[in-house]
Amino acid sequence: MNLNDKLYLVRFNTDQSSHIHIIDGKVCLEQCIDKPCTRFCPSHVYQWDEEEKRIAVGYEGCLECGTCRIGCPYGNIDWHYPRGGFGVSWKNG
């Protein structure tokens, strides 16, 4: 079973407000050349939007693994657990 098949088994109760925020978009644009957040997140929450020159955050698919809390070399991601009752809902557990 590949990663996409496994991610299909995960369900989400999406909140209307994001639990993930980029602290300073200027850091992503001017200092962070490699954009590692677009690679280290297992559910691809972070995508570089070339047209808008910013990191787009798709918080709705966050697996709440916390990788982004430590993976951003600039500490530019503000991540906390979603409000109670929202977030990831594991189908098999």
Protein backbone atom coordinates (compact mmCIF):
# COMPACT_ATOMS: atom_id res chain seq x y z
CA MET A 1 0.00 0.00 0.00
CA ASN A 2 1.50 3.36 -1.00
CA LEU A 3 1.30 6.61 0.98
CA ASN A 4 -1.65 8.00 -0.99
CA ASP A 5 -3.65 4.82 -0.33
CA LYS A 6 -2.91 5.10 3.38
CA LEU A 7 -3.82 8.79 3.48
CA TYR A 8 -7.15 7.92 1.87
CA LEU A 9 -8.06 6.02 5.04
CA VAL A 10 -7.75 9.17 7.16
CA ARG A 11 -10.82 11.35 7.76
CA PHE A 12 -10.91 14.94 8.94
CA ASN A 13 -13.39 17.06 10.85
CA THR A 14 -12.32 20.41 9.45
CA ASP A 15 -12.55 23.57 11.53
CA GLN A 16 -13.25 26.87 9.78
CA SER A 17 -10.16 28.45 11.34
CA SER A 18 -6.67 27.19 10.67
CA HIS A 19 -4.47 25.78 13.42
CA ILE A 20 -1.39 26.44 11.25
CA HIS A 21 -0.04 29.86 10.35
CA ILE A 22 3.04 31.16 8.60
CA ILE A 23 4.43 33.73 11.02
CA ASP A 24 6.17 35.98 8.49
CA GLY A 25 5.63 35.45 4.77
CA LYS A 26 8.65 37.63 4.05
CA VAL A 27 10.91 34.99 5.63
CA CYS A 28 9.62 32.36 3.20
CA LEU A 29 10.03 34.68 0.25
CA GLU A 30 13.41 36.24 1.00
CA GLN A 31 15.34 33.89 3.30
CA CYS A 32 14.07 30.37 2.74
CA ILE A 33 15.44 29.38 -0.64
CA ASP A 34 14.77 25.60 -0.49
CA LYS A 35 11.21 25.73 0.97
CA PRO A 36 11.72 22.49 2.97
CA CYS A 37 8.17 22.61 4.35
CA THR A 38 6.93 21.70 0.88
CA ARG A 39 8.87 18.43 1.19
CA PHE A 40 8.90 17.29 4.81
CA CYS A 41 5.14 17.34 5.46
CA PRO A 42 3.78 13.81 4.83
CA SER A 43 0.36 15.11 3.81
CA HIS A 44 1.66 17.97 1.63
CA VAL A 45 -0.03 20.72 3.66
CA TYR A 46 2.50 23.30 2.44
CA GLN A 47 2.79 24.31 -1.21
CA TRP A 48 4.74 27.19 -2.74
CA ASP A 49 2.40 29.42 -4.75
CA GLU A 50 4.67 30.88 -7.42
CA GLU A 51 2.05 33.31 -8.67
CA GLU A 52 1.40 34.85 -5.24
CA LYS A 53 4.98 34.27 -4.01
CA ARG A 54 3.88 32.69 -0.73
CA ILE A 55 3.46 29.39 1.06
CA ALA A 56 -0.12 28.14 0.73
CA VAL A 57 -1.25 26.18 3.79
CA GLY A 58 -3.87 23.46 3.28
CA TYR A 59 -4.51 22.89 7.00
CA GLU A 60 -7.58 20.78 6.27
CA GLY A 61 -5.39 17.77 5.47
CA CYS A 62 -3.00 18.08 8.42
CA LEU A 63 -2.15 14.75 10.08
CA GLU A 64 -1.13 16.54 13.31
CA CYS A 65 2.25 14.83 13.33
CA GLY A 66 4.05 18.01 14.39
CA THR A 67 6.86 17.68 11.87
CA CYS A 68 6.48 21.30 10.83
CA ARG A 69 7.04 22.45 14.41
CA ILE A 70 10.64 21.33 14.18
CA GLY A 71 11.24 21.12 10.44
CA CYS A 72 11.17 24.80 9.50
CA PRO A 73 14.78 26.02 9.74
CA TYR A 74 13.53 29.53 10.57
CA GLY A 75 10.89 28.58 13.14
CA ASN A 76 8.40 30.39 10.93
CA ILE A 77 5.46 28.01 11.32
CA ASP A 78 3.01 28.51 14.17
CA TRP A 79 1.35 25.13 14.70
CA HIS A 80 -0.91 23.95 17.49
CA TYR A 81 -3.51 21.22 17.79
CA PRO A 82 -6.94 22.03 16.34
CA ARG A 83 -9.76 22.95 18.69
CA GLY A 84 -11.44 20.06 20.47
CA GLY A 85 -13.58 17.93 18.18
CA PHE A 86 -11.75 19.06 15.04
CA GLY A 87 -8.78 17.74 13.11
CA VAL A 88 -7.74 14.28 12.09
CA SER A 89 -10.04 11.32 12.71
CA TRP A 90 -8.30 8.00 12.24
CA LYS A 91 -10.52 5.42 10.56
CA ASN A 92 -8.74 2.36 11.98
CA GLY A 93 -7.99 3.49 15.49
